[in-house]
Amino acid sequence: MPELVGLVLPGGPEFARALRSIWDRGDVAAPLPWDAPAAHLESLLAAVDPDWVLTPEGTTRYQPADGHPRTPVEAERTELIDGDALVICTSGTTGRPRAAIHTHAGVEAAAFATSTALGVAPDVRWLACLPLHHVGGCSVLTRAWHTAAGLEIVPRATPEVVERAALAGCTHVSLVPTLLHRIDPTPWRVILLGGAAAPTDRPANTVATYGCTETYGGVVYDGLALNGVSVRVTLEPGEHWSVPAPIELRTPSLLRAYRSGTDPVADDGWFRTGDLGMIDPDTGRLSVTGRADDVIVSGGENVWPQPVEDVLASMDSIEEVAIVGRSDPEWGERVVAVVVPAERSRPPTLEALRAAVRAVLPSACAPREMELRDCLPRTTLGKIERYRLRTPDTGASRP
């Protein structure tokens, strides 16, 4: 039976050598954040439950810290088998990360599906700059290895690092949308965007990807499924295609199971993502509207945050915005706009937000409350942690 090694190393050649060494022994790797606070790292270790932990100081047998009993317990966890390659934790935007087990066959399928879609050329050179404990970063390594492409690995993505890599000959990169506006994108042949909604005004050399940890990264590019991938939305009888519905995926790169002992893949091979979207019957393109658990039911009307955020993000007075629902005795939930103003001394008014939204969306979508913050809580991949915004910030401003 393979052993599981928690890989707690910064991004770079040493990480790549360690991962290859683990695989050469027939074992399985669980990449984990090397710079995480101790308490957070311990919670991830408890969920992954490795046999060993490899850090810059060496390899040690894993022993749970006090207050962190092994979860899942031995009787409930999924044991590893030959062919397993990676155990990767979800980003935890709901506050409850899960550990997905991926096989070598699935990792290879993902690499070739992406490379087929983008086109393979002898001079392709990938930059791996996203955190390697997420599929957005780790999949760059495995994609380059399986397709014999060039590869450069750096510990973290900064505008300076990304731009230097392009000048040094890197041609392809995966980025989060928040970084796109901080770099010159023109030297890059291809920029994959994932982890959050891609901007509508993105450059022509960018590709908006959709996927998740369970699919080992993006499997839908610019709304269309990659080779070997199927996508569908599960409408209720009588519902029109323009009503957002749960998105399901079927792909060779799906996880085998969660480490917690659960298998989220249906008997027919479909995986329900937890996201909502629509498929245009004329073009076949998928549009993602957001997480199913992000839907706000206000006065009996469904409000999806993403369209409201798109409207408000176009306002000059707003730097960042997130739409969440909060409990309301009259409406069930009220729509709240959490805003980072472009100028702290001149924030927008709630009336201006409501007018902008009501000009293009149903009136139920207009925020009933605005909260000002200095920044929005995000994961390392740039996803907004909405669960942290559903509780009011007692120190925030409410004009």
Protein backbone atom coordinates (compact mmCIF):
# COMPACT_ATOMS: atom_id res chain seq x y z
CA MET A 1 0.00 0.00 0.00
CA PRO A 2 1.42 3.43 -0.91
CA GLU A 3 2.36 5.83 1.87
CA LEU A 4 1.23 9.43 1.92
CA VAL A 5 3.80 12.21 2.28
CA GLY A 6 2.72 15.72 3.26
CA LEU A 7 4.87 17.98 1.10
CA VAL A 8 5.46 21.29 2.92
CA LEU A 9 8.04 23.01 0.73
CA PRO A 10 8.20 26.37 -1.07
CA GLY A 11 7.73 26.38 -4.81
CA GLY A 12 10.94 25.78 -6.73
CA PRO A 13 13.21 23.02 -8.05
CA GLU A 14 13.40 21.33 -4.62
CA PHE A 15 9.62 20.90 -4.59
CA ALA A 16 9.71 19.37 -8.06
CA ARG A 17 12.54 16.98 -7.11
CA ALA A 18 10.75 15.91 -3.94
CA LEU A 19 7.48 15.24 -5.78
CA ARG A 20 9.20 13.15 -8.42
CA SER A 21 11.08 11.21 -5.75
CA ILE A 22 7.84 10.40 -3.92
CA TRP A 23 6.28 9.15 -7.14
CA ASP A 24 9.38 7.14 -8.07
CA ARG A 25 8.98 5.23 -4.78
CA GLY A 26 5.34 4.48 -5.62
CA ASP A 27 4.05 6.75 -2.86
CA VAL A 28 1.52 9.59 -2.89
CA ALA A 29 2.13 13.30 -2.24
CA ALA A 30 -0.10 15.81 -0.46
CA PRO A 31 1.18 19.33 -1.29
CA LEU A 32 0.46 21.70 1.60
CA PRO A 33 1.08 25.44 2.13
CA TRP A 34 4.62 25.89 3.35
CA ASP A 35 4.02 29.38 4.74
CA ALA A 36 0.64 28.81 6.44
CA PRO A 37 0.09 29.66 10.12
CA ALA A 38 0.82 26.65 12.32
CA ALA A 39 -2.80 26.18 13.38
CA HIS A 40 -4.08 26.20 9.79
CA LEU A 41 -1.38 23.82 8.61
CA GLU A 42 -2.18 21.43 11.43
CA SER A 43 -5.87 21.42 10.51
CA LEU A 44 -4.96 20.52 6.93
CA LEU A 45 -2.59 17.79 8.09
CA ALA A 46 -5.34 16.35 10.27
CA ALA A 47 -7.70 16.22 7.27
CA VAL A 48 -5.08 14.77 4.91
CA ASP A 49 -3.72 12.37 7.54
CA PRO A 50 -0.30 11.67 5.98
CA ASP A 51 2.15 9.02 7.09
CA TRP A 52 5.10 11.39 6.76
CA VAL A 53 5.68 15.14 6.56
CA LEU A 54 8.50 16.55 4.45
CA THR A 55 9.64 20.09 5.30
CA PRO A 56 12.88 22.02 4.56
CA GLU A 57 14.15 20.57 7.86
CA GLY A 58 13.66 16.97 6.76
CA THR A 59 11.14 14.11 6.88
CA THR A 60 9.31 13.15 10.07
CA ARG A 61 6.54 10.72 10.97
CA TYR A 62 3.23 12.58 11.25
CA GLN A 63 1.82 12.89 14.74
CA PRO A 64 -1.33 15.00 15.25
CA ALA A 65 -0.86 17.97 17.55
CA ASP A 66 -2.81 18.27 20.77
CA GLY A 67 -6.38 19.27 20.03
CA HIS A 68 -6.22 17.95 16.45
CA PRO A 69 -7.35 14.33 16.51
CA ARG A 70 -6.98 12.45 13.27
CA THR A 71 -9.83 13.36 10.95
CA PRO A 72 -11.04 11.38 9.21
CA VAL A 73 -10.65 8.56 11.70
CA GLU A 74 -9.03 5.36 10.52
CA ALA A 75 -12.35 3.55 10.06
CA GLU A 76 -13.78 6.27 7.81
CA ARG A 77 -10.91 7.42 5.63
CA THR A 78 -10.25 6.27 2.07
CA GLU A 79 -7.11 4.18 1.96
CA LEU A 80 -4.61 4.86 -0.82
CA ILE A 81 -4.07 2.34 -3.62
CA ASP A 82 -1.57 1.82 -6.42
CA GLY A 83 -2.12 4.43 -9.08
CA ASP A 84 -2.92 7.26 -6.68
CA ALA A 85 -0.74 10.32 -7.21
CA LEU A 86 -1.90 13.31 -5.19
CA VAL A 87 -4.09 14.34 -2.28
CA ILE A 88 -5.02 18.00 -2.67
CA CYS A 89 -7.15 20.09 -0.34
CA THR A 90 -9.92 22.28 -1.69
CA SER A 91 -9.44 26.01 -1.22
CA GLY A 92 -11.97 26.12 1.58
CA THR A 93 -14.05 29.16 0.57
CA THR A 94 -16.84 27.70 2.73
CA GLY A 95 -14.44 27.28 5.65
CA ARG A 96 -14.40 23.46 5.36
CA PRO A 97 -11.62 22.26 3.03
CA ARG A 98 -11.74 18.64 1.85
CA ALA A 99 -8.92 16.47 0.58
CA ALA A 100 -9.34 15.05 -2.94
CA ILE A 101 -7.45 11.95 -4.07
CA HIS A 102 -6.23 12.11 -7.69
CA THR A 103 -4.73 9.29 -9.73
CA HIS A 104 -1.78 9.35 -12.12
CA ALA A 105 -4.16 8.51 -14.97
CA GLY A 106 -6.37 11.48 -14.13
CA VAL A 107 -3.42 13.86 -13.84
CA GLU A 108 -2.14 12.72 -17.23
CA ALA A 109 -5.58 13.09 -18.83
CA ALA A 110 -5.83 16.65 -17.55
CA ALA A 111 -2.40 17.51 -18.96
CA PHE A 112 -3.19 16.29 -22.45
CA ALA A 113 -6.71 17.77 -22.52
CA THR A 114 -5.30 21.22 -21.76
CA SER A 115 -2.39 20.91 -24.16
CA THR A 116 -4.66 19.68 -26.97
CA ALA A 117 -6.94 22.69 -26.49
CA LEU A 118 -4.08 25.19 -26.44
CA GLY A 119 -1.94 23.58 -29.13
CA VAL A 120 1.41 21.95 -28.54
CA ALA A 121 4.61 23.52 -29.87
CA PRO A 122 8.28 22.64 -29.21
CA ASP A 123 8.99 26.04 -27.66
CA VAL A 124 6.19 26.02 -25.06
CA ARG A 125 7.55 26.99 -21.65
CA TRP A 126 5.26 27.17 -18.62
CA LEU A 127 5.68 29.42 -15.60
CA ALA A 128 4.44 27.81 -12.38
CA CYS A 129 3.85 30.72 -10.03
CA LEU A 130 0.55 29.90 -8.29
CA PRO A 131 0.66 28.05 -4.95
CA LEU A 132 1.61 24.43 -5.61
CA HIS A 133 -0.74 23.12 -2.91
CA HIS A 134 -3.63 24.16 -5.18
CA VAL A 135 -4.45 22.43 -8.47
CA GLY A 136 -4.01 25.77 -10.24
CA GLY A 137 -0.31 25.60 -9.44
CA CYS A 138 0.38 21.88 -9.22
CA SER A 139 -1.32 21.17 -12.56
CA VAL A 140 1.17 23.45 -14.31
CA LEU A 141 4.00 21.17 -13.16
CA THR A 142 2.31 17.95 -14.21
CA ARG A 143 1.14 19.46 -17.52
CA ALA A 144 4.68 20.46 -18.43
CA TRP A 145 6.10 17.08 -17.37
CA HIS A 146 3.57 15.01 -19.30
CA THR A 147 3.91 17.06 -22.50
CA ALA A 148 7.70 17.57 -22.32
CA ALA A 149 7.26 21.34 -22.24
CA GLY A 150 9.69 23.76 -20.63
CA LEU A 151 9.06 24.73 -17.03
CA GLU A 152 10.10 27.43 -14.59
CA ILE A 153 8.92 27.29 -10.96
CA VAL A 154 8.92 30.25 -8.60
CA PRO A 155 7.76 30.44 -4.96
CA ARG A 156 5.02 33.03 -5.49
CA ALA A 157 3.41 35.22 -8.14
CA THR A 158 4.25 38.90 -8.13
CA PRO A 159 3.93 41.29 -11.08
CA GLU A 160 7.70 41.61 -11.26
CA VAL A 161 8.28 37.85 -11.27
CA VAL A 162 5.64 37.24 -13.94
CA GLU A 163 6.95 39.95 -16.24
CA ARG A 164 10.58 38.83 -15.85
CA ALA A 165 9.59 35.26 -16.73
CA ALA A 166 7.95 36.43 -19.96
CA LEU A 167 11.08 38.33 -20.94
CA ALA A 168 13.18 35.26 -20.13
CA GLY A 169 11.27 33.05 -22.56
CA CYS A 170 8.22 31.66 -20.73
CA THR A 171 5.25 31.50 -23.08
CA HIS A 172 2.35 30.09 -21.00
CA VAL A 173 1.15 30.88 -17.48
CA SER A 174 -1.80 30.29 -15.17
CA LEU A 175 -2.87 33.33 -13.16
CA VAL A 176 -5.72 34.47 -10.96
CA PRO A 177 -7.74 37.38 -12.38
CA THR A 178 -6.67 39.76 -9.62
CA LEU A 179 -3.08 39.61 -10.90
CA LEU A 180 -3.97 40.12 -14.57
CA HIS A 181 -4.54 43.87 -14.17
CA ARG A 182 -1.15 44.29 -12.48
CA ILE A 183 0.98 42.97 -15.34
CA ASP A 184 1.60 43.65 -19.02
CA PRO A 185 -0.10 40.63 -20.64
CA THR A 186 1.14 41.24 -24.19
CA PRO A 187 4.40 39.20 -24.07
CA TRP A 188 2.50 36.02 -23.15
CA ARG A 189 1.26 33.60 -25.79
CA VAL A 190 -1.40 32.14 -23.46
CA ILE A 191 -2.64 33.21 -20.03
CA LEU A 192 -5.02 30.80 -18.32
CA LEU A 193 -7.33 32.52 -15.84
CA GLY A 194 -8.96 30.54 -13.06
CA GLY A 195 -9.92 30.55 -9.40
CA ALA A 196 -12.40 33.41 -9.80
CA ALA A 197 -14.55 35.05 -12.45
CA ALA A 198 -12.51 36.37 -15.38
CA PRO A 199 -12.96 40.07 -16.23
CA THR A 200 -15.18 40.83 -19.21
CA ASP A 201 -12.55 43.17 -20.72
CA ARG A 202 -9.74 40.61 -20.69
CA PRO A 203 -7.05 40.51 -23.41
CA ALA A 204 -7.35 38.23 -26.44
CA ASN A 205 -4.47 36.01 -25.29
CA THR A 206 -6.33 34.97 -22.14
CA VAL A 207 -8.49 31.88 -21.63
CA ALA A 208 -11.19 31.79 -18.96
CA THR A 209 -11.07 28.36 -17.37
CA TYR A 210 -13.65 26.60 -15.24
CA GLY A 211 -13.02 23.61 -13.03
CA CYS A 212 -12.30 22.76 -9.43
CA THR A 213 -10.00 20.78 -7.18
CA GLU A 214 -12.12 17.68 -7.80
CA THR A 215 -11.57 17.90 -11.59
CA TYR A 216 -7.86 18.65 -11.17
CA GLY A 217 -8.25 22.16 -12.49
CA GLY A 218 -9.91 23.71 -15.51
CA VAL A 219 -11.85 21.40 -17.82
CA VAL A 220 -14.02 24.05 -19.54
CA TYR A 221 -12.23 26.75 -21.55
CA ASP A 222 -14.08 29.89 -22.58
CA GLY A 223 -17.34 28.09 -21.89
CA LEU A 224 -16.61 24.96 -23.94
CA ALA A 225 -15.70 21.54 -22.53
CA LEU A 226 -12.23 20.18 -23.29
CA ASN A 227 -11.69 16.98 -25.26
CA GLY A 228 -13.11 14.02 -23.32
CA VAL A 229 -15.03 16.27 -20.91
CA SER A 230 -18.83 16.52 -20.64
CA VAL A 231 -20.75 19.31 -18.93
CA ARG A 232 -24.44 19.71 -18.16
CA VAL A 233 -26.79 21.68 -15.96
CA THR A 234 -29.66 19.91 -14.23
CA LEU A 235 -32.81 21.95 -14.87
CA GLU A 236 -36.01 21.16 -13.08
CA PRO A 237 -38.97 20.17 -15.31
CA GLY A 238 -40.35 23.22 -17.06
CA GLU A 239 -37.41 25.49 -16.24
CA HIS A 240 -35.96 27.64 -19.04
CA TRP A 241 -32.27 27.29 -19.92
CA SER A 242 -31.68 30.89 -18.76
CA VAL A 243 -32.40 29.89 -15.14
CA PRO A 244 -29.11 29.05 -13.37
CA ALA A 245 -29.02 25.38 -12.39
CA PRO A 246 -26.48 23.03 -10.76
CA ILE A 247 -23.44 22.33 -12.94
CA GLU A 248 -22.28 18.73 -13.33
CA LEU A 249 -19.06 17.52 -14.94
CA ARG A 250 -17.79 14.21 -16.23
CA THR A 251 -14.09 14.02 -17.05
CA PRO A 252 -11.20 11.52 -16.97
CA SER A 253 -9.45 13.84 -14.51
CA LEU A 254 -12.07 13.49 -11.75
CA LEU A 255 -10.92 12.65 -8.25
CA ARG A 256 -11.12 9.01 -7.19
CA ALA A 257 -12.63 9.88 -3.79
CA TYR A 258 -12.24 12.20 -0.85
CA ARG A 259 -9.76 11.23 1.84
CA SER A 260 -12.67 11.40 4.32
CA GLY A 261 -14.07 8.19 2.89
CA THR A 262 -16.82 9.68 0.74
CA ASP A 263 -17.14 9.24 -3.03
CA PRO A 264 -18.84 12.30 -4.59
CA VAL A 265 -18.95 10.82 -8.10
CA ALA A 266 -22.29 9.28 -9.14
CA ASP A 267 -22.48 5.77 -10.53
CA ASP A 268 -22.81 7.17 -14.06
CA GLY A 269 -19.62 9.20 -13.64
CA TRP A 270 -21.11 12.67 -13.11
CA PHE A 271 -19.85 15.02 -10.41
CA ARG A 272 -22.08 17.80 -9.08
CA THR A 273 -19.85 20.81 -8.53
CA GLY A 274 -21.90 22.97 -6.19
CA ASP A 275 -21.80 25.78 -8.78
CA LEU A 276 -24.72 27.17 -10.74
CA GLY A 277 -24.68 28.04 -14.42
CA MET A 278 -26.45 28.12 -17.77
CA ILE A 279 -25.69 26.50 -21.14
CA ASP A 280 -26.76 28.53 -24.18
CA PRO A 281 -28.57 26.10 -26.50
CA ASP A 282 -27.34 27.97 -29.60
CA THR A 283 -23.62 28.10 -28.78
CA GLY A 284 -23.29 25.29 -26.22
CA ARG A 285 -21.24 27.60 -24.02
CA LEU A 286 -21.41 27.39 -20.26
CA SER A 287 -21.85 30.55 -18.19
CA VAL A 288 -21.11 30.22 -14.47
CA THR A 289 -23.22 32.38 -12.18
CA GLY A 290 -21.73 31.39 -8.83
CA ARG A 291 -21.93 28.90 -5.98
CA ALA A 292 -25.26 27.27 -5.22
CA ASP A 293 -24.84 28.13 -1.55
CA ASP A 294 -24.21 31.80 -2.49
CA VAL A 295 -27.74 32.29 -3.86
CA ILE A 296 -29.65 34.88 -1.84
CA VAL A 297 -33.40 34.39 -1.44
CA SER A 298 -34.81 37.85 -0.71
CA GLY A 299 -38.56 38.33 -0.56
CA GLY A 300 -39.04 35.06 -2.39
CA GLU A 301 -36.76 36.13 -5.29
CA ASN A 302 -33.47 34.39 -6.10
CA VAL A 303 -30.52 36.78 -6.37
CA TRP A 304 -27.21 35.51 -7.74
CA PRO A 305 -24.22 37.58 -6.57
CA GLN A 306 -22.11 37.49 -9.75
CA PRO A 307 -24.37 39.56 -12.05
CA VAL A 308 -24.83 42.17 -9.32
CA GLU A 309 -21.08 42.29 -8.69
CA ASP A 310 -20.43 42.72 -12.43
CA VAL A 311 -22.69 45.79 -12.51
CA LEU A 312 -21.19 47.39 -9.41
CA ALA A 313 -17.58 46.60 -10.36
CA SER A 314 -18.01 48.80 -13.43
CA MET A 315 -18.60 51.88 -11.24
CA ASP A 316 -15.60 54.21 -11.02
CA SER A 317 -16.19 54.74 -7.31
CA ILE A 318 -15.74 51.03 -6.48
CA GLU A 319 -12.44 49.18 -6.36
CA GLU A 320 -13.82 45.81 -5.21
CA VAL A 321 -17.24 44.51 -4.27
CA ALA A 322 -18.85 41.34 -2.98
CA ILE A 323 -22.56 40.61 -2.72
CA VAL A 324 -23.78 38.45 0.18
CA GLY A 325 -27.04 37.67 1.92
CA ARG A 326 -27.69 38.38 5.58
CA SER A 327 -30.64 37.34 7.68
CA ASP A 328 -33.53 39.77 7.62
CA PRO A 329 -36.83 39.49 9.56
CA GLU A 330 -38.86 41.01 6.73
CA TRP A 331 -37.18 39.72 3.56
CA GLY A 332 -35.74 36.42 4.81
CA GLU A 333 -32.38 37.58 3.48
CA ARG A 334 -31.35 41.06 2.46
CA VAL A 335 -28.86 41.79 -0.30
CA VAL A 336 -25.71 43.39 1.14
CA ALA A 337 -22.94 45.02 -0.90
CA VAL A 338 -19.55 44.83 0.81
CA VAL A 339 -17.56 47.55 -0.93
CA VAL A 340 -13.93 48.61 -1.09
CA PRO A 341 -14.20 52.19 -2.41
CA ALA A 342 -11.76 53.49 -5.01
CA GLU A 343 -11.28 56.62 -2.88
CA ARG A 344 -11.66 56.05 0.84
CA SER A 345 -12.61 59.68 1.40
CA ARG A 346 -15.33 59.59 -1.27
CA PRO A 347 -17.21 56.29 -1.01
CA PRO A 348 -20.25 55.60 -3.17
CA THR A 349 -23.72 55.90 -1.70
CA LEU A 350 -26.17 53.07 -1.26
CA GLU A 351 -28.61 54.99 -3.46
CA ALA A 352 -26.05 55.09 -6.29
CA LEU A 353 -25.49 51.32 -6.01
CA ARG A 354 -29.22 50.60 -6.05
CA ALA A 355 -29.77 52.83 -9.08
CA ALA A 356 -26.96 51.17 -11.04
CA VAL A 357 -28.27 47.69 -10.34
CA ARG A 358 -31.93 48.51 -10.98
CA ALA A 359 -31.01 49.96 -14.37
CA VAL A 360 -30.08 46.50 -15.71
CA LEU A 361 -31.33 43.87 -13.23
CA PRO A 362 -34.59 43.13 -11.41
CA SER A 363 -35.23 45.37 -8.43
CA ALA A 364 -34.80 42.44 -6.01
CA CYS A 365 -31.09 42.44 -6.93
CA ALA A 366 -30.53 46.00 -5.67
CA PRO A 367 -28.57 46.02 -2.39
CA ARG A 368 -30.50 47.03 0.71
CA GLU A 369 -27.35 47.63 2.72
CA MET A 370 -23.79 48.73 1.99
CA GLU A 371 -20.78 47.98 4.17
CA LEU A 372 -17.41 49.63 3.54
CA ARG A 373 -14.16 47.74 4.07
CA ASP A 374 -10.50 48.30 3.36
CA CYS A 375 -10.18 44.92 1.62
CA LEU A 376 -12.11 41.72 0.91
CA PRO A 377 -11.05 38.41 2.47
CA ARG A 378 -9.68 36.10 -0.20
CA THR A 379 -8.03 32.71 -0.48
CA THR A 380 -4.48 32.45 -1.80
CA LEU A 381 -5.97 31.94 -5.27
CA GLY A 382 -8.00 35.11 -5.08
CA LYS A 383 -11.44 33.63 -4.39
CA ILE A 384 -13.64 35.76 -2.18
CA GLU A 385 -14.33 34.03 1.13
CA ARG A 386 -18.02 34.85 1.23
CA TYR A 387 -18.67 32.90 4.40
CA ARG A 388 -16.55 35.49 6.24
CA LEU A 389 -18.69 38.32 4.85
CA ARG A 390 -22.09 36.96 5.87
CA THR A 391 -21.43 38.18 9.42
CA PRO A 392 -21.28 41.97 9.71
CA ASP A 393 -17.91 43.53 10.54
CA THR A 394 -18.56 45.55 13.66
CA GLY A 395 -15.66 47.83 12.79
CA ALA A 396 -16.76 48.50 9.21
CA SER A 397 -18.55 51.62 8.01
CA ARG A 398 -22.24 51.54 7.09
CA PRO A 399 -23.21 54.88 5.54
